[in-house]
C-alpha cells in the first residue's frame, strides 16, 4: 500500500503518456508552425493599456494571489506535520517571495506563472523523512 502511494504519480503520468501516444496515434493533428519573421520572445508592451484590461488584470491578480497563498499554506501545513520532525530553517517563509519574484520576471516575458508546490512538497518530504512503521 505504501509502495502504491509513493509511486502513484509516476504511474499515472506513465499510463497517461502511453494512452496519449499509442492508443490515440491515429488521430490527425495539425502541425505546429512557428513564425520565423517575429522574434521568439518579446517584451510586453506596457504603454496605455485599456481600462478594461487594467480592471481584468486586477481581478485576476487578486484571485491568483489567493490561490498562491492558499496553496503555499496548505503545503506548509502538510509538510510541517509533527510526524516529519522537521525544524524551521532561517529561510522558512522565503518561498512566497521567491515565487513572486519569479512570476514577476515571467510576466514581463509573457510566460506562464509557476506555483505547483502542492503536489511535490509532501512527496519530497515523505521521501526524505525518517518514518518508522509499527
N, C-alpha and C. Protein backbone atom coordinates (compact mmCIF):
# COMPACT_ATOMS: atom_id res chain seq x y z
N UNK A 1 0.82 -1.20 0.00
CA UNK A 1 0.00 0.00 0.00
C UNK A 1 0.86 1.25 0.00
N UNK A 2 1.94 1.26 0.79
CA UNK A 2 2.83 2.40 0.84
C UNK A 2 3.56 2.55 -0.49
N UNK A 3 3.94 1.44 -1.11
CA UNK A 3 4.61 1.47 -2.40
C UNK A 3 3.72 2.09 -3.47
N UNK A 4 2.43 1.71 -3.47
CA UNK A 4 1.49 2.28 -4.43
C UNK A 4 1.32 3.78 -4.18
N UNK A 5 1.26 4.19 -2.93
CA UNK A 5 1.11 5.61 -2.61
C UNK A 5 2.35 6.40 -3.03
N UNK A 6 3.53 5.81 -2.88
CA UNK A 6 4.76 6.52 -3.24
C UNK A 6 4.92 6.71 -4.74
N UNK A 7 4.47 5.74 -5.52
CA UNK A 7 4.69 5.80 -6.96
C UNK A 7 3.42 6.04 -7.77
N UNK A 8 2.34 6.46 -7.14
CA UNK A 8 1.08 6.67 -7.85
C UNK A 8 1.20 7.78 -8.89
N UNK A 9 1.87 8.87 -8.58
CA UNK A 9 2.01 9.97 -9.52
C UNK A 9 2.82 9.55 -10.73
N UNK A 10 3.91 8.84 -10.52
CA UNK A 10 4.77 8.38 -11.62
C UNK A 10 4.00 7.42 -12.52
N UNK A 11 3.27 6.49 -11.92
CA UNK A 11 2.50 5.52 -12.70
C UNK A 11 1.40 6.24 -13.49
N UNK A 12 0.74 7.21 -12.89
CA UNK A 12 -0.32 7.95 -13.59
C UNK A 12 0.23 8.70 -14.79
N UNK A 13 1.39 9.33 -14.65
CA UNK A 13 2.00 10.05 -15.77
C UNK A 13 2.41 9.07 -16.87
N UNK A 14 3.00 7.94 -16.50
CA UNK A 14 3.42 6.94 -17.48
C UNK A 14 2.22 6.37 -18.24
N UNK A 15 1.15 6.04 -17.53
CA UNK A 15 -0.05 5.49 -18.17
C UNK A 15 -0.69 6.55 -19.08
N UNK A 16 -0.79 7.77 -18.62
CA UNK A 16 -1.36 8.85 -19.44
C UNK A 16 -0.53 9.12 -20.69
N UNK A 17 0.79 9.06 -20.56
CA UNK A 17 1.66 9.24 -21.72
C UNK A 17 1.47 8.11 -22.72
N UNK A 18 1.39 6.89 -22.22
CA UNK A 18 1.17 5.73 -23.10
C UNK A 18 -0.15 5.84 -23.84
N UNK A 19 -1.21 6.16 -23.10
CA UNK A 19 -2.53 6.28 -23.72
C UNK A 19 -2.53 7.38 -24.77
N UNK A 20 -1.95 8.52 -24.46
CA UNK A 20 -1.93 9.62 -25.41
C UNK A 20 -1.06 9.36 -26.62
N UNK A 21 0.02 8.61 -26.45
CA UNK A 21 0.95 8.39 -27.54
C UNK A 21 0.58 7.22 -28.44
N UNK A 22 0.08 6.15 -27.89
CA UNK A 22 -0.12 4.93 -28.67
C UNK A 22 -1.58 4.63 -28.99
N UNK A 23 -2.46 4.83 -28.06
CA UNK A 23 -3.86 4.50 -28.32
C UNK A 23 -4.50 5.52 -29.24
N UNK A 24 -4.13 6.79 -29.10
CA UNK A 24 -4.71 7.84 -29.93
C UNK A 24 -3.78 8.28 -31.06
N UNK A 25 -2.88 7.43 -31.50
CA UNK A 25 -1.91 7.84 -32.52
C UNK A 25 -2.53 7.99 -33.91
N UNK A 26 -3.70 7.43 -34.16
CA UNK A 26 -4.33 7.53 -35.48
C UNK A 26 -5.08 8.85 -35.67
N UNK A 27 -5.17 9.67 -34.65
CA UNK A 27 -5.88 10.95 -34.76
C UNK A 27 -4.96 11.95 -35.46
N UNK A 28 -5.48 12.58 -36.51
CA UNK A 28 -4.71 13.55 -37.28
C UNK A 28 -4.72 14.90 -36.55
N UNK A 29 -3.55 15.45 -36.34
CA UNK A 29 -3.42 16.75 -35.70
C UNK A 29 -2.68 17.71 -36.63
N UNK A 30 -3.02 18.98 -36.54
CA UNK A 30 -2.30 19.97 -37.33
C UNK A 30 -0.90 20.13 -36.74
N UNK A 31 0.07 20.33 -37.61
CA UNK A 31 1.44 20.53 -37.18
C UNK A 31 1.59 21.96 -36.69
N UNK A 32 2.27 22.13 -35.57
CA UNK A 32 2.51 23.45 -35.00
C UNK A 32 3.54 24.18 -35.85
N UNK A 33 3.21 25.37 -36.28
CA UNK A 33 4.14 26.16 -37.09
C UNK A 33 4.64 27.35 -36.29
N UNK A 34 5.86 27.72 -36.57
CA UNK A 34 6.50 28.84 -35.88
C UNK A 34 6.71 29.96 -36.88
N UNK A 35 6.31 31.15 -36.50
CA UNK A 35 6.51 32.32 -37.35
C UNK A 35 7.95 32.79 -37.17
N UNK A 36 8.78 32.54 -38.15
CA UNK A 36 10.19 32.90 -38.05
C UNK A 36 10.46 34.37 -38.32
N UNK A 37 9.44 35.10 -38.78
CA UNK A 37 9.61 36.53 -39.05
C UNK A 37 9.67 37.34 -37.75
N UNK A 38 8.97 36.87 -36.72
CA UNK A 38 8.95 37.56 -35.43
C UNK A 38 9.95 36.92 -34.48
N UNK A 39 10.47 37.67 -33.52
CA UNK A 39 11.36 37.06 -32.52
C UNK A 39 10.59 36.06 -31.66
N UNK A 40 11.31 35.06 -31.17
CA UNK A 40 10.68 34.02 -30.38
C UNK A 40 10.12 34.58 -29.06
N UNK A 41 10.88 35.45 -28.39
CA UNK A 41 10.43 36.10 -27.16
C UNK A 41 10.45 37.61 -27.36
N UNK A 42 9.45 38.27 -26.83
CA UNK A 42 9.43 39.73 -26.90
C UNK A 42 8.85 40.27 -25.60
N UNK A 43 9.26 41.48 -25.25
CA UNK A 43 8.76 42.11 -24.03
C UNK A 43 7.33 42.58 -24.23
N UNK A 44 6.59 42.59 -23.15
CA UNK A 44 5.20 43.02 -23.19
C UNK A 44 5.15 44.54 -23.32
N UNK A 45 4.23 45.03 -24.14
CA UNK A 45 4.04 46.47 -24.28
C UNK A 45 3.17 46.96 -23.11
N UNK A 46 3.74 47.77 -22.23
CA UNK A 46 3.01 48.25 -21.06
C UNK A 46 2.43 49.65 -21.25
N UNK A 47 2.54 50.24 -22.43
CA UNK A 47 2.08 51.61 -22.65
C UNK A 47 0.58 51.65 -22.87
N UNK A 48 -0.09 52.55 -22.23
CA UNK A 48 -1.50 52.87 -22.45
C UNK A 48 -2.43 51.66 -22.57
N UNK A 49 -2.51 50.86 -21.52
CA UNK A 49 -3.46 49.73 -21.59
C UNK A 49 -4.90 50.24 -21.46
N UNK A 50 -5.85 49.58 -22.07
CA UNK A 50 -7.26 49.99 -21.90
C UNK A 50 -7.71 49.79 -20.46
N UNK A 51 -8.68 50.57 -20.04
CA UNK A 51 -9.18 50.48 -18.66
C UNK A 51 -9.76 49.10 -18.36
N UNK A 52 -10.41 48.47 -19.33
CA UNK A 52 -10.97 47.12 -19.12
C UNK A 52 -9.85 46.11 -18.87
N UNK A 53 -8.72 46.27 -19.55
CA UNK A 53 -7.59 45.37 -19.34
C UNK A 53 -7.00 45.54 -17.95
N UNK A 54 -6.93 46.77 -17.48
CA UNK A 54 -6.41 47.03 -16.13
C UNK A 54 -7.35 46.42 -15.08
N UNK A 55 -8.66 46.61 -15.26
CA UNK A 55 -9.63 46.06 -14.31
C UNK A 55 -9.58 44.53 -14.30
N UNK A 56 -9.49 43.93 -15.48
CA UNK A 56 -9.41 42.47 -15.55
C UNK A 56 -8.12 41.96 -14.92
N UNK A 57 -7.03 42.67 -15.11
CA UNK A 57 -5.75 42.28 -14.52
C UNK A 57 -5.80 42.35 -13.00
N UNK A 58 -6.44 43.36 -12.47
CA UNK A 58 -6.57 43.49 -11.01
C UNK A 58 -7.39 42.33 -10.45
N UNK A 59 -8.51 42.03 -11.10
CA UNK A 59 -9.35 40.93 -10.63
C UNK A 59 -8.65 39.59 -10.71
N UNK A 60 -8.02 39.30 -11.84
CA UNK A 60 -7.31 38.03 -11.98
C UNK A 60 -6.10 37.95 -11.07
N UNK A 61 -5.41 39.06 -10.88
CA UNK A 61 -4.26 39.07 -9.98
C UNK A 61 -4.67 38.79 -8.54
N UNK A 62 -5.80 39.33 -8.12
CA UNK A 62 -6.29 39.08 -6.77
C UNK A 62 -6.63 37.61 -6.57
N UNK A 63 -7.30 37.02 -7.55
CA UNK A 63 -7.67 35.60 -7.46
C UNK A 63 -6.41 34.73 -7.46
N UNK A 64 -5.43 35.06 -8.31
CA UNK A 64 -4.19 34.27 -8.34
C UNK A 64 -3.40 34.41 -7.05
N UNK A 65 -3.41 35.59 -6.44
CA UNK A 65 -2.69 35.75 -5.18
C UNK A 65 -3.33 34.91 -4.07
N UNK A 66 -4.66 34.82 -4.08
CA UNK A 66 -5.33 33.95 -3.10
C UNK A 66 -4.96 32.49 -3.36
N UNK A 67 -4.94 32.09 -4.62
CA UNK A 67 -4.55 30.71 -4.96
C UNK A 67 -3.14 30.40 -4.47
N UNK A 68 -2.19 31.28 -4.75
CA UNK A 68 -0.81 31.04 -4.33
C UNK A 68 -0.69 31.01 -2.81
N UNK A 69 -1.38 31.93 -2.14
CA UNK A 69 -1.33 31.97 -0.67
C UNK A 69 -1.90 30.70 -0.07
N UNK A 70 -3.07 30.27 -0.56
CA UNK A 70 -3.69 29.05 -0.03
C UNK A 70 -2.83 27.83 -0.31
N UNK A 71 -2.31 27.73 -1.54
CA UNK A 71 -1.51 26.57 -1.90
C UNK A 71 -0.23 26.50 -1.06
N UNK A 72 0.42 27.63 -0.88
CA UNK A 72 1.63 27.65 -0.06
C UNK A 72 1.35 27.27 1.37
N UNK A 73 0.27 27.77 1.94
CA UNK A 73 -0.04 27.45 3.32
C UNK A 73 -0.51 26.01 3.51
N UNK A 74 -1.25 25.47 2.53
CA UNK A 74 -1.65 24.07 2.62
C UNK A 74 -0.43 23.17 2.54
N UNK A 75 0.47 23.46 1.62
CA UNK A 75 1.71 22.67 1.50
C UNK A 75 2.53 22.76 2.78
N UNK A 76 2.61 23.97 3.32
CA UNK A 76 3.39 24.15 4.55
C UNK A 76 2.80 23.36 5.71
N UNK A 77 1.48 23.36 5.83
CA UNK A 77 0.88 22.64 6.95
C UNK A 77 1.01 21.13 6.79
N UNK A 78 0.97 20.64 5.54
CA UNK A 78 1.17 19.20 5.33
C UNK A 78 2.62 18.82 5.61
N UNK A 79 3.55 19.62 5.11
CA UNK A 79 4.97 19.32 5.29
C UNK A 79 5.39 19.48 6.74
N UNK A 80 4.82 20.47 7.43
CA UNK A 80 5.21 20.73 8.83
C UNK A 80 4.50 19.83 9.83
N UNK A 81 3.96 18.74 9.36
CA UNK A 81 3.31 17.77 10.23
C UNK A 81 4.32 17.31 11.29
N UNK A 82 3.92 17.24 12.56
CA UNK A 82 4.86 16.83 13.62
C UNK A 82 5.47 15.45 13.40
N UNK A 83 4.80 14.58 12.64
CA UNK A 83 5.37 13.25 12.42
C UNK A 83 6.62 13.30 11.53
N UNK A 84 6.81 14.38 10.77
CA UNK A 84 8.01 14.51 9.95
C UNK A 84 9.22 14.98 10.74
N UNK A 85 8.99 15.55 11.92
CA UNK A 85 10.04 16.02 12.84
C UNK A 85 11.00 16.98 12.13
N UNK A 86 10.43 17.97 11.46
CA UNK A 86 11.24 18.98 10.78
C UNK A 86 11.37 20.23 11.64
N UNK A 87 12.47 20.93 11.46
CA UNK A 87 12.69 22.20 12.17
C UNK A 87 12.65 23.32 11.13
N UNK A 88 12.09 24.45 11.50
CA UNK A 88 12.03 25.59 10.59
C UNK A 88 13.42 26.18 10.43
N UNK A 89 13.84 26.34 9.17
CA UNK A 89 15.13 26.94 8.89
C UNK A 89 15.06 28.45 8.88
N UNK A 90 16.19 29.10 8.56
CA UNK A 90 16.23 30.55 8.58
C UNK A 90 15.45 31.17 7.41
N UNK A 91 15.26 30.43 6.33
CA UNK A 91 14.56 30.94 5.16
C UNK A 91 13.22 30.25 4.98
N UNK A 92 12.54 29.97 6.08
CA UNK A 92 11.31 29.17 6.03
C UNK A 92 10.21 29.83 5.20
N UNK A 93 10.05 31.14 5.33
CA UNK A 93 8.96 31.84 4.64
C UNK A 93 9.42 32.53 3.35
N UNK A 94 10.62 32.24 2.90
CA UNK A 94 11.15 32.90 1.72
C UNK A 94 10.54 32.36 0.42
N UNK A 95 9.88 31.20 0.47
CA UNK A 95 9.36 30.61 -0.76
C UNK A 95 8.32 31.48 -1.43
N UNK A 96 7.48 32.16 -0.66
CA UNK A 96 6.47 33.04 -1.26
C UNK A 96 7.13 34.23 -1.97
N UNK A 97 8.19 34.78 -1.39
CA UNK A 97 8.87 35.90 -2.01
C UNK A 97 9.57 35.46 -3.30
N UNK A 98 10.23 34.32 -3.27
CA UNK A 98 10.92 33.82 -4.46
C UNK A 98 9.91 33.53 -5.57
N UNK A 99 8.77 32.92 -5.23
CA UNK A 99 7.73 32.65 -6.22
C UNK A 99 7.23 33.96 -6.82
N UNK A 100 7.04 34.98 -6.01
CA UNK A 100 6.59 36.28 -6.51
C UNK A 100 7.58 36.93 -7.45
N UNK A 101 8.87 36.88 -7.12
CA UNK A 101 9.91 37.47 -7.97
C UNK A 101 9.98 36.71 -9.30
N UNK A 102 9.95 35.37 -9.24
CA UNK A 102 9.99 34.57 -10.47
C UNK A 102 8.78 34.88 -11.34
N UNK A 103 7.60 34.97 -10.74
CA UNK A 103 6.39 35.25 -11.52
C UNK A 103 6.39 36.65 -12.11
N UNK A 104 6.99 37.61 -11.42
CA UNK A 104 7.10 38.96 -11.98
C UNK A 104 8.00 38.95 -13.21
N UNK A 105 9.10 38.23 -13.14
CA UNK A 105 10.00 38.14 -14.30
C UNK A 105 9.31 37.40 -15.45
N UNK A 106 8.61 36.31 -15.14
CA UNK A 106 7.91 35.56 -16.18
C UNK A 106 6.81 36.39 -16.83
N UNK A 107 6.16 37.25 -16.07
CA UNK A 107 5.10 38.09 -16.61
C UNK A 107 5.63 39.06 -17.66
N UNK A 108 6.82 39.59 -17.45
CA UNK A 108 7.39 40.53 -18.40
C UNK A 108 7.65 39.86 -19.74
N UNK A 109 7.99 38.57 -19.74
CA UNK A 109 8.28 37.85 -20.97
C UNK A 109 7.08 37.05 -21.49
N UNK A 110 5.88 37.33 -20.98
CA UNK A 110 4.64 36.65 -21.41
C UNK A 110 4.71 35.13 -21.23
N UNK A 111 5.38 34.68 -20.19
CA UNK A 111 5.48 33.25 -19.91
C UNK A 111 4.53 32.89 -18.77
N UNK A 112 4.10 31.65 -18.67
CA UNK A 112 3.15 31.27 -17.61
C UNK A 112 3.81 31.29 -16.23
N UNK A 113 2.98 31.53 -15.24
CA UNK A 113 3.46 31.57 -13.86
C UNK A 113 3.72 30.18 -13.32
N UNK A 114 4.56 30.13 -12.30
CA UNK A 114 4.83 28.86 -11.61
C UNK A 114 4.18 28.91 -10.24
N UNK A 115 3.71 27.78 -9.77
CA UNK A 115 3.17 27.73 -8.41
C UNK A 115 3.06 26.33 -7.84
N UNK A 116 3.34 25.28 -8.59
CA UNK A 116 2.97 23.92 -8.19
C UNK A 116 3.68 23.36 -6.99
N UNK A 117 3.54 23.96 -5.82
CA UNK A 117 4.21 23.42 -4.64
C UNK A 117 3.39 22.34 -3.95
N UNK A 118 2.09 22.27 -4.24
CA UNK A 118 1.25 21.32 -3.52
C UNK A 118 1.55 19.87 -3.83
N UNK A 119 1.68 19.43 -5.08
CA UNK A 119 1.90 18.00 -5.30
C UNK A 119 3.26 17.50 -4.85
N UNK A 120 4.33 18.25 -5.14
CA UNK A 120 5.64 17.67 -4.91
C UNK A 120 6.21 17.91 -3.52
N UNK A 121 5.77 18.91 -2.79
CA UNK A 121 6.33 19.15 -1.46
C UNK A 121 6.08 18.00 -0.48
N UNK A 122 4.82 17.54 -0.33
CA UNK A 122 4.60 16.42 0.59
C UNK A 122 5.30 15.14 0.13
N UNK A 123 5.36 14.89 -1.18
CA UNK A 123 6.04 13.70 -1.68
C UNK A 123 7.54 13.78 -1.39
N UNK A 124 8.13 14.96 -1.57
CA UNK A 124 9.55 15.14 -1.32
C UNK A 124 9.88 14.95 0.16
N UNK A 125 9.05 15.52 1.02
CA UNK A 125 9.30 15.39 2.45
C UNK A 125 9.12 13.94 2.90
N UNK A 126 8.10 13.25 2.37
CA UNK A 126 7.92 11.84 2.73
C UNK A 126 9.08 10.99 2.28
N UNK A 127 9.64 11.34 1.12
CA UNK A 127 10.78 10.57 0.63
C UNK A 127 12.01 10.78 1.49
N UNK A 128 12.18 11.97 2.05
CA UNK A 128 13.33 12.27 2.87
C UNK A 128 13.12 12.02 4.35
N UNK A 129 11.87 11.88 4.78
CA UNK A 129 11.58 11.72 6.21
C UNK A 129 11.99 10.33 6.70
N UNK A 130 12.36 10.28 7.94
CA UNK A 130 12.71 9.02 8.58
C UNK A 130 11.45 8.51 9.30
N UNK A 131 10.70 7.67 8.62
CA UNK A 131 9.43 7.21 9.15
C UNK A 131 9.55 5.76 9.58
N UNK A 132 9.17 5.50 10.82
CA UNK A 132 9.17 4.13 11.32
C UNK A 132 7.75 3.61 11.29
N UNK A 133 7.58 2.42 10.72
CA UNK A 133 6.25 1.81 10.68
C UNK A 133 6.18 0.75 11.76
N UNK A 134 5.08 0.75 12.48
CA UNK A 134 4.90 -0.24 13.57
C UNK A 134 3.84 -1.23 13.21
